[in-house]
C-alpha cells in the first residue's frame, strides 16, 4: 500500500483538526502499488479499522470496514488499485453535525493469502463547529 487518505468534501483531513458537520460524507481511500504495466497488485481484501470517541466519557466506538475497488461503495474506477469506502451516514467518519468530538484513529491495511500489507495509521481530531 502506498498511501491512505481520509477526505471530507474532497479535501484530505489526515492529521488535521476539523470542525464536525462540515461535509456531505467522509471518504476513506487506500492506494496499492502498481506494477510497471500500471496494473495494481491487488490483495483480495482491504480493510479500515477505526476507533472514534463516543462522548461523555463512554468507551470508544471501534470496528472494521471493508474498502472496495469494484465500482461500489464510493469507488469510482474498478480495478485501478484505489480501494474506497464512502460513509454518507456518518457511521465511521466525522462529517455530520452529530459526530462526537475528540480523536479519531484509523488503520488501513490489506490481506492477501493470509499475509498482511503494510499498515498506515491516520488520526483526525474533531472539534465543535
N, C-alpha and C. Protein backbone atom coordinates (compact mmCIF):
# COMPACT_ATOMS: atom_id res chain seq x y z
N UNK A 1 0.86 -1.17 0.00
CA UNK A 1 0.00 0.00 0.00
C UNK A 1 0.91 1.23 0.00
N UNK A 2 0.61 2.17 -0.87
CA UNK A 2 1.46 3.35 -0.99
C UNK A 2 0.92 4.56 -0.24
N UNK A 3 -0.41 4.64 -0.05
CA UNK A 3 -0.96 5.79 0.65
C UNK A 3 -2.35 5.47 1.18
N UNK A 4 -2.78 6.27 2.14
CA UNK A 4 -4.13 6.18 2.68
C UNK A 4 -4.61 7.59 2.96
N UNK A 5 -5.85 7.87 2.62
CA UNK A 5 -6.40 9.21 2.80
C UNK A 5 -7.80 9.15 3.37
N UNK A 6 -8.10 10.15 4.18
CA UNK A 6 -9.46 10.39 4.64
C UNK A 6 -9.85 11.76 4.10
N UNK A 7 -10.96 11.80 3.37
CA UNK A 7 -11.37 13.05 2.73
C UNK A 7 -12.77 13.46 3.17
N UNK A 8 -12.92 14.76 3.43
CA UNK A 8 -14.22 15.37 3.67
C UNK A 8 -14.34 16.50 2.66
N UNK A 9 -15.42 16.51 1.90
CA UNK A 9 -15.60 17.48 0.81
C UNK A 9 -14.45 17.45 -0.18
N UNK A 10 -13.89 16.27 -0.42
CA UNK A 10 -12.82 16.11 -1.38
C UNK A 10 -11.45 16.57 -0.91
N UNK A 11 -11.34 17.02 0.34
CA UNK A 11 -10.07 17.50 0.89
C UNK A 11 -9.54 16.53 1.93
N UNK A 12 -8.26 16.21 1.84
CA UNK A 12 -7.65 15.31 2.82
C UNK A 12 -7.65 15.97 4.20
N UNK A 13 -8.05 15.20 5.21
CA UNK A 13 -8.04 15.69 6.59
C UNK A 13 -7.05 14.90 7.44
N UNK A 14 -6.17 14.14 6.79
CA UNK A 14 -5.17 13.34 7.51
C UNK A 14 -4.37 14.21 8.47
N UNK A 15 -4.37 13.83 9.76
CA UNK A 15 -3.57 14.53 10.75
C UNK A 15 -4.07 15.90 11.14
N UNK A 16 -5.25 16.30 10.68
CA UNK A 16 -5.74 17.65 10.94
C UNK A 16 -6.74 17.70 12.08
N UNK A 17 -7.01 18.91 12.54
CA UNK A 17 -8.12 19.19 13.44
C UNK A 17 -9.21 19.82 12.60
N UNK A 18 -10.40 19.22 12.63
CA UNK A 18 -11.50 19.68 11.78
C UNK A 18 -12.75 19.91 12.62
N UNK A 19 -13.62 20.78 12.14
CA UNK A 19 -14.91 21.02 12.80
C UNK A 19 -15.92 20.00 12.29
N UNK A 20 -16.70 19.46 13.20
CA UNK A 20 -17.72 18.49 12.78
C UNK A 20 -18.83 19.20 12.01
N UNK A 21 -19.56 18.42 11.23
CA UNK A 21 -20.68 18.98 10.47
C UNK A 21 -20.28 19.78 9.26
N UNK A 22 -19.13 19.48 8.66
CA UNK A 22 -18.63 20.30 7.56
C UNK A 22 -18.66 19.63 6.20
N UNK A 23 -19.39 18.51 6.05
CA UNK A 23 -19.37 17.85 4.75
C UNK A 23 -20.57 16.96 4.53
N UNK A 24 -20.64 16.42 3.31
CA UNK A 24 -21.72 15.52 2.96
C UNK A 24 -21.38 14.06 3.16
N UNK A 25 -20.08 13.76 3.28
CA UNK A 25 -19.64 12.38 3.51
C UNK A 25 -18.18 12.39 3.94
N UNK A 26 -17.74 11.25 4.47
CA UNK A 26 -16.32 11.02 4.73
C UNK A 26 -15.91 9.87 3.82
N UNK A 27 -14.84 10.09 3.05
CA UNK A 27 -14.37 9.08 2.10
C UNK A 27 -13.04 8.53 2.58
N UNK A 28 -12.94 7.22 2.61
CA UNK A 28 -11.71 6.53 3.03
C UNK A 28 -11.09 5.88 1.80
N UNK A 29 -9.79 6.12 1.56
CA UNK A 29 -9.10 5.61 0.37
C UNK A 29 -7.77 4.98 0.75
N UNK A 30 -7.45 3.85 0.12
CA UNK A 30 -6.14 3.21 0.26
C UNK A 30 -5.64 2.87 -1.13
N UNK A 31 -4.44 3.34 -1.48
CA UNK A 31 -3.87 3.12 -2.81
C UNK A 31 -2.83 2.01 -2.73
N UNK A 32 -2.95 1.02 -3.61
CA UNK A 32 -1.98 -0.06 -3.68
C UNK A 32 -0.91 0.25 -4.70
N UNK A 33 0.21 -0.44 -4.56
CA UNK A 33 1.28 -0.35 -5.56
C UNK A 33 0.76 -0.80 -6.91
N UNK A 34 1.34 -0.26 -7.97
CA UNK A 34 1.02 -0.75 -9.31
C UNK A 34 2.27 -1.35 -9.92
N UNK A 35 2.08 -2.32 -10.79
CA UNK A 35 3.20 -2.95 -11.50
C UNK A 35 3.67 -2.00 -12.60
N UNK A 36 4.82 -2.29 -13.21
CA UNK A 36 5.29 -1.42 -14.30
C UNK A 36 4.27 -1.25 -15.43
N UNK A 37 3.40 -2.24 -15.65
CA UNK A 37 2.39 -2.09 -16.71
C UNK A 37 1.14 -1.37 -16.21
N UNK A 38 1.23 -0.77 -15.00
CA UNK A 38 0.17 0.03 -14.37
C UNK A 38 -1.00 -0.78 -13.82
N UNK A 39 -0.89 -2.10 -13.81
CA UNK A 39 -1.95 -2.88 -13.17
C UNK A 39 -1.65 -2.97 -11.68
N UNK A 40 -2.67 -2.84 -10.84
CA UNK A 40 -2.43 -2.87 -9.40
C UNK A 40 -2.08 -4.26 -8.90
N UNK A 41 -1.28 -4.31 -7.84
CA UNK A 41 -1.02 -5.55 -7.14
C UNK A 41 -2.11 -5.67 -6.10
N UNK A 42 -3.17 -6.35 -6.43
CA UNK A 42 -4.40 -6.28 -5.66
C UNK A 42 -4.59 -7.44 -4.69
N UNK A 43 -4.50 -7.17 -3.40
CA UNK A 43 -4.96 -8.21 -2.48
C UNK A 43 -6.48 -8.27 -2.55
N UNK A 44 -7.05 -9.42 -2.26
CA UNK A 44 -8.50 -9.52 -2.40
C UNK A 44 -9.28 -8.72 -1.37
N UNK A 45 -8.66 -8.34 -0.25
CA UNK A 45 -9.42 -7.62 0.77
C UNK A 45 -8.59 -6.48 1.35
N UNK A 46 -9.20 -5.29 1.38
CA UNK A 46 -8.59 -4.13 2.03
C UNK A 46 -9.50 -3.71 3.16
N UNK A 47 -8.90 -3.33 4.29
CA UNK A 47 -9.67 -3.03 5.49
C UNK A 47 -9.30 -1.70 6.11
N UNK A 48 -10.26 -1.15 6.82
CA UNK A 48 -10.07 0.05 7.63
C UNK A 48 -10.56 -0.29 9.03
N UNK A 49 -9.66 -0.24 10.01
CA UNK A 49 -10.07 -0.38 11.40
C UNK A 49 -10.19 1.01 11.98
N UNK A 50 -11.23 1.24 12.77
CA UNK A 50 -11.46 2.58 13.29
C UNK A 50 -11.70 2.56 14.79
N UNK A 51 -11.38 3.67 15.41
CA UNK A 51 -11.71 3.93 16.80
C UNK A 51 -12.11 5.39 16.89
N UNK A 52 -13.33 5.63 17.32
CA UNK A 52 -13.81 7.01 17.41
C UNK A 52 -14.47 7.24 18.75
N UNK A 53 -14.40 8.47 19.24
CA UNK A 53 -14.98 8.76 20.55
C UNK A 53 -16.49 8.62 20.54
N UNK A 54 -17.04 8.32 21.71
CA UNK A 54 -18.49 8.27 21.88
C UNK A 54 -19.00 9.49 22.63
N UNK A 55 -18.10 10.23 23.26
CA UNK A 55 -18.51 11.41 24.03
C UNK A 55 -18.95 11.04 25.43
N UNK A 56 -18.99 12.03 26.31
CA UNK A 56 -19.48 11.89 27.68
C UNK A 56 -18.75 10.78 28.46
N UNK A 57 -17.46 10.56 28.18
CA UNK A 57 -16.68 9.59 28.93
C UNK A 57 -16.97 8.14 28.60
N UNK A 58 -17.73 7.87 27.56
CA UNK A 58 -18.06 6.50 27.17
C UNK A 58 -16.88 5.85 26.46
N UNK A 59 -16.88 4.51 26.43
CA UNK A 59 -15.82 3.76 25.73
C UNK A 59 -15.84 4.11 24.24
N UNK A 60 -14.68 3.97 23.60
CA UNK A 60 -14.56 4.27 22.17
C UNK A 60 -15.40 3.31 21.34
N UNK A 61 -15.93 3.82 20.23
CA UNK A 61 -16.63 3.01 19.24
C UNK A 61 -15.55 2.47 18.31
N UNK A 62 -15.41 1.15 18.20
CA UNK A 62 -14.38 0.55 17.36
C UNK A 62 -15.01 -0.45 16.41
N UNK A 63 -14.30 -0.72 15.33
CA UNK A 63 -14.78 -1.71 14.38
C UNK A 63 -13.92 -1.77 13.15
N UNK A 64 -14.42 -2.45 12.14
CA UNK A 64 -13.67 -2.65 10.90
C UNK A 64 -14.63 -2.53 9.72
N UNK A 65 -14.16 -1.88 8.66
CA UNK A 65 -14.95 -1.65 7.46
C UNK A 65 -14.12 -2.11 6.26
N UNK A 66 -14.74 -2.79 5.32
CA UNK A 66 -14.04 -3.21 4.11
C UNK A 66 -14.02 -2.07 3.10
N UNK A 67 -12.87 -1.91 2.41
CA UNK A 67 -12.73 -0.96 1.31
C UNK A 67 -12.86 -1.73 0.00
N UNK A 68 -13.31 -1.05 -1.06
CA UNK A 68 -13.64 -1.73 -2.31
C UNK A 68 -12.96 -1.08 -3.51
N UNK A 69 -12.61 -1.93 -4.50
CA UNK A 69 -12.08 -1.48 -5.79
C UNK A 69 -12.89 -2.13 -6.91
N UNK A 70 -14.21 -2.08 -6.76
CA UNK A 70 -15.08 -2.76 -7.71
C UNK A 70 -16.19 -1.86 -8.26
N UNK A 71 -16.02 -0.55 -8.12
CA UNK A 71 -17.03 0.38 -8.62
C UNK A 71 -18.23 0.56 -7.71
N UNK A 72 -18.14 0.07 -6.46
CA UNK A 72 -19.23 0.24 -5.50
C UNK A 72 -18.71 0.93 -4.24
N UNK A 73 -19.60 1.29 -3.35
CA UNK A 73 -19.26 1.87 -2.04
C UNK A 73 -18.40 3.14 -2.16
N UNK A 74 -18.60 3.90 -3.22
CA UNK A 74 -17.84 5.13 -3.43
C UNK A 74 -16.64 4.99 -4.34
N UNK A 75 -16.28 3.75 -4.70
CA UNK A 75 -15.16 3.52 -5.63
C UNK A 75 -15.61 3.93 -7.03
N UNK A 76 -14.80 4.76 -7.69
CA UNK A 76 -15.21 5.31 -8.99
C UNK A 76 -14.70 4.53 -10.18
N UNK A 77 -13.51 3.87 -10.05
CA UNK A 77 -12.92 3.15 -11.18
C UNK A 77 -12.58 1.73 -10.73
N UNK A 78 -13.23 0.77 -11.32
CA UNK A 78 -13.00 -0.63 -10.98
C UNK A 78 -11.58 -1.06 -11.36
N UNK A 79 -10.87 -1.72 -10.44
CA UNK A 79 -9.58 -2.33 -10.74
C UNK A 79 -8.40 -1.41 -10.88
N UNK A 80 -8.49 -0.16 -10.41
CA UNK A 80 -7.37 0.77 -10.54
C UNK A 80 -6.41 0.75 -9.36
N UNK A 81 -6.69 -0.09 -8.35
CA UNK A 81 -5.82 -0.18 -7.18
C UNK A 81 -6.15 0.82 -6.09
N UNK A 82 -7.16 1.67 -6.31
CA UNK A 82 -7.60 2.61 -5.28
C UNK A 82 -8.85 2.03 -4.62
N UNK A 83 -8.69 1.58 -3.39
CA UNK A 83 -9.78 0.97 -2.63
C UNK A 83 -10.47 2.05 -1.81
N UNK A 84 -11.80 2.04 -1.79
CA UNK A 84 -12.57 3.13 -1.19
C UNK A 84 -13.76 2.63 -0.38
N UNK A 85 -14.18 3.48 0.52
CA UNK A 85 -15.48 3.35 1.17
C UNK A 85 -15.95 4.77 1.46
N UNK A 86 -17.15 5.09 1.00
CA UNK A 86 -17.71 6.42 1.24
C UNK A 86 -18.80 6.31 2.29
N UNK A 87 -18.62 7.02 3.39
CA UNK A 87 -19.54 6.98 4.53
C UNK A 87 -20.46 8.20 4.47
N UNK A 88 -21.63 8.02 3.88
CA UNK A 88 -22.60 9.10 3.82
C UNK A 88 -23.37 9.25 5.13
N UNK A 89 -23.59 8.14 5.81
CA UNK A 89 -24.43 8.14 7.02
C UNK A 89 -23.73 8.70 8.25
N UNK A 90 -22.40 8.76 8.23
CA UNK A 90 -21.67 9.26 9.39
C UNK A 90 -21.39 8.19 10.43
N UNK A 91 -21.44 6.93 10.03
CA UNK A 91 -21.20 5.83 10.97
C UNK A 91 -19.73 5.69 11.37
N UNK A 92 -18.80 6.12 10.51
CA UNK A 92 -17.38 5.95 10.76
C UNK A 92 -16.59 7.25 10.67
N UNK A 93 -17.13 8.24 10.01
CA UNK A 93 -16.43 9.48 9.76
C UNK A 93 -16.81 10.60 10.71
N UNK A 94 -16.46 11.83 10.30
CA UNK A 94 -16.63 12.99 11.17
C UNK A 94 -17.34 14.14 10.48
N UNK A 95 -18.03 13.90 9.39
CA UNK A 95 -18.62 14.98 8.60
C UNK A 95 -19.98 15.44 9.11
N UNK A 96 -20.67 14.68 9.95
CA UNK A 96 -22.01 15.07 10.39
C UNK A 96 -21.94 16.01 11.60
N UNK A 97 -22.99 16.78 11.80
CA UNK A 97 -23.06 17.71 12.93
C UNK A 97 -23.12 16.97 14.27
N UNK A 98 -23.53 15.71 14.24
CA UNK A 98 -23.62 14.92 15.48
C UNK A 98 -22.38 14.08 15.76
N UNK A 99 -21.33 14.22 14.94
CA UNK A 99 -20.10 13.45 15.15
C UNK A 99 -19.50 13.79 16.51
N UNK A 100 -19.16 12.77 17.32
CA UNK A 100 -18.57 13.05 18.63
C UNK A 100 -17.23 13.78 18.49
N UNK A 101 -16.96 14.69 19.40
CA UNK A 101 -15.68 15.41 19.39
C UNK A 101 -14.60 14.53 20.00
N UNK A 102 -13.35 14.74 19.56
CA UNK A 102 -12.21 14.00 20.09
C UNK A 102 -11.36 13.44 18.97
N UNK A 103 -10.47 12.50 19.32
CA UNK A 103 -9.55 11.91 18.35
C UNK A 103 -10.16 10.68 17.70
N UNK A 104 -10.07 10.64 16.38
CA UNK A 104 -10.50 9.50 15.57
C UNK A 104 -9.23 8.81 15.07
N UNK A 105 -9.14 7.51 15.27
CA UNK A 105 -7.97 6.73 14.85
C UNK A 105 -8.39 5.75 13.76
N UNK A 106 -7.63 5.73 12.66
CA UNK A 106 -7.92 4.86 11.54
C UNK A 106 -6.66 4.11 11.15
N UNK A 107 -6.80 2.81 10.86
CA UNK A 107 -5.68 1.99 10.42
C UNK A 107 -6.09 1.26 9.14
N UNK A 108 -5.36 1.52 8.06
CA UNK A 108 -5.62 0.92 6.76
C UNK A 108 -4.65 -0.24 6.54
N UNK A 109 -5.14 -1.36 5.96
CA UNK A 109 -4.26 -2.47 5.61
C UNK A 109 -5.00 -3.43 4.69
N UNK A 110 -4.23 -4.31 4.05
CA UNK A 110 -4.82 -5.32 3.17
C UNK A 110 -4.40 -6.72 3.60
N UNK A 111 -5.15 -7.71 3.14
CA UNK A 111 -4.84 -9.12 3.42
C UNK A 111 -4.87 -9.88 2.10
N UNK A 112 -3.80 -10.67 1.86
CA UNK A 112 -3.70 -11.49 0.66
C UNK A 112 -3.05 -12.81 1.04
N UNK A 113 -3.71 -13.92 0.77
CA UNK A 113 -3.18 -15.25 1.10
C UNK A 113 -2.68 -15.33 2.53
N UNK A 114 -3.46 -14.84 3.46
CA UNK A 114 -3.15 -14.86 4.90
C UNK A 114 -1.98 -13.97 5.29
N UNK A 115 -1.51 -13.12 4.39
CA UNK A 115 -0.44 -12.16 4.68
C UNK A 115 -1.01 -10.75 4.63
N UNK A 116 -0.51 -9.90 5.52
CA UNK A 116 -0.98 -8.52 5.56
C UNK A 116 -0.02 -7.60 4.83
N UNK A 117 -0.58 -6.55 4.24
CA UNK A 117 0.23 -5.48 3.67
C UNK A 117 0.79 -4.65 4.82
N UNK A 118 1.53 -3.62 4.48
CA UNK A 118 1.91 -2.64 5.50
C UNK A 118 0.64 -1.98 6.03
N UNK A 119 0.75 -1.40 7.20
CA UNK A 119 -0.37 -0.68 7.82
C UNK A 119 -0.07 0.82 7.77
N UNK A 120 -1.08 1.62 7.50
CA UNK A 120 -0.95 3.07 7.54
C UNK A 120 -1.97 3.59 8.54
N UNK A 121 -1.48 4.35 9.53
CA UNK A 121 -2.32 4.90 10.57
C UNK A 121 -2.57 6.39 10.33
N UNK A 122 -3.81 6.80 10.53
CA UNK A 122 -4.20 8.20 10.35
C UNK A 122 -5.04 8.62 11.55
N UNK A 123 -4.75 9.80 12.08
CA UNK A 123 -5.54 10.36 13.19
C UNK A 123 -6.13 11.69 12.75
N UNK A 124 -7.39 11.92 13.11
CA UNK A 124 -8.07 13.18 12.86
C UNK A 124 -8.72 13.60 14.17
N UNK A 125 -8.58 14.88 14.52
CA UNK A 125 -9.21 15.41 15.73
C UNK A 125 -10.41 16.25 15.34
N UNK A 126 -11.55 15.98 15.98
CA UNK A 126 -12.79 16.68 15.67
C UNK A 126 -13.15 17.62 16.82
N UNK A 127 -13.45 18.88 16.46
CA UNK A 127 -13.86 19.88 17.44
C UNK A 127 -15.26 20.38 17.09
N UNK A 128 -15.86 21.13 17.99
CA UNK A 128 -17.19 21.69 17.73
C UNK A 128 -17.07 22.78 16.67
N UNK A 129 -18.09 22.90 15.83
CA UNK A 129 -18.03 23.88 14.74
C UNK A 129 -18.40 25.27 15.20
